[in-house]
Every structure is written in C-alpha cells, then in structure tokens.
Amino acid sequence: MKNSRGFSLLSVEVIEKAVAGDYDTMEVVLRRYSRYIKRLSNSDVDTEERLRAKLIGAVMKFRFDR
C-alpha cells in the first residue's frame, strides 16, 4: 500500500508483529526507516543509534486501542 505521496507503507500485520516484540519484524521496520534515520543523523553513528533506539521504543509503546 502507498500513501498519497507515493511512499510504501508498512502493513498492519508488520506493525502488529513489531509491537508484539518480534525481532525479525522489528528489523523490517528499522530497515524501512534506515535512510530517513541516516539523513536525520547526518551520518553521525551515535545520533543514528539514538534514533534507532527511539524508534524501537515508540514501536513498543504503540497501542491499537486508541
């Protein structure tokens, strides 16, 4: 599925598995956002790792019941 700007979106199934803590699926999410993270971090490794950790934390806190 693609959004209005033409970017492919993660499927609901991928998000559900990542929220449930599936390691392989979390890697799919991290790969999906890796270019964006690298661009935000200006290729600074420490910043890149902090952004990856923030994304993992946000995924783990995500709730579908809101």
Protein backbone atom coordinates (compact mmCIF):
# COMPACT_ATOMS: atom_id res chain seq x y z
CA MET A 1 0.00 0.00 0.00
CA LYS A 2 1.22 3.54 -0.73
CA ASN A 3 0.35 6.84 0.87
CA SER A 4 -0.69 9.97 -1.02
CA ARG A 5 2.95 10.91 -1.68
CA GLY A 6 3.76 7.54 -3.25
CA PHE A 7 5.77 6.07 -0.37
CA SER A 8 5.12 2.46 0.54
CA LEU A 9 3.59 1.99 3.97
CA LEU A 10 4.17 -0.79 6.45
CA SER A 11 1.30 -3.24 6.61
CA VAL A 12 -0.84 -3.58 9.71
CA GLU A 13 0.47 -7.14 10.13
CA VAL A 14 4.07 -5.91 10.23
CA ILE A 15 3.20 -3.25 12.79
CA GLU A 16 1.28 -5.75 14.95
CA LYS A 17 4.20 -8.21 14.96
CA ALA A 18 6.72 -5.46 15.74
CA VAL A 19 4.57 -4.18 18.62
CA ALA A 20 4.36 -7.76 19.92
CA GLY A 21 8.17 -7.82 20.05
CA ASP A 22 9.03 -9.99 17.05
CA TYR A 23 12.74 -9.34 16.44
CA ASP A 24 12.74 -10.10 12.71
CA THR A 25 9.77 -7.83 12.10
CA MET A 26 11.39 -5.04 14.11
CA GLU A 27 14.35 -5.35 11.74
CA VAL A 28 11.93 -4.84 8.83
CA VAL A 29 10.71 -1.63 10.46
CA LEU A 30 14.26 -0.43 11.12
CA ARG A 31 15.30 -1.18 7.54
CA ARG A 32 12.25 0.70 6.24
CA TYR A 33 13.31 3.85 8.12
CA SER A 34 17.10 3.43 7.85
CA ARG A 35 17.58 6.02 5.07
CA TYR A 36 15.47 8.56 6.95
CA ILE A 37 17.40 7.92 10.18
CA LYS A 38 20.72 8.24 8.36
CA ARG A 39 19.62 11.54 6.81
CA LEU A 40 18.42 12.94 10.16
CA SER A 41 21.62 11.88 11.91
CA ASN A 42 23.92 13.39 9.24
CA SER A 43 25.75 10.03 9.32
CA ASP A 44 26.76 10.53 12.97
CA VAL A 45 26.83 6.99 14.37
CA ASP A 46 25.85 7.97 17.93
CA THR A 47 22.88 10.01 16.77
CA GLU A 48 21.87 7.23 14.39
CA GLU A 49 21.86 4.69 17.23
CA ARG A 50 19.82 7.02 19.47
CA LEU A 51 17.25 7.50 16.70
CA ARG A 52 17.04 3.74 16.15
CA ALA A 53 16.51 3.25 19.89
CA LYS A 54 13.79 5.94 19.92
CA LEU A 55 12.02 4.24 17.00
CA ILE A 56 12.16 0.86 18.75
CA GLY A 57 10.78 2.44 21.94
CA ALA A 58 7.98 4.16 20.05
CA VAL A 59 7.02 0.93 18.29
CA MET A 60 6.98 -0.99 21.57
CA LYS A 61 4.72 1.65 23.19
CA PHE A 62 2.31 1.81 20.25
CA ARG A 63 -1.29 0.88 21.10
CA PHE A 64 -4.00 -0.02 18.64
CA ASP A 65 -6.89 0.59 21.04
CA ARG A 66 -6.81 4.41 20.98
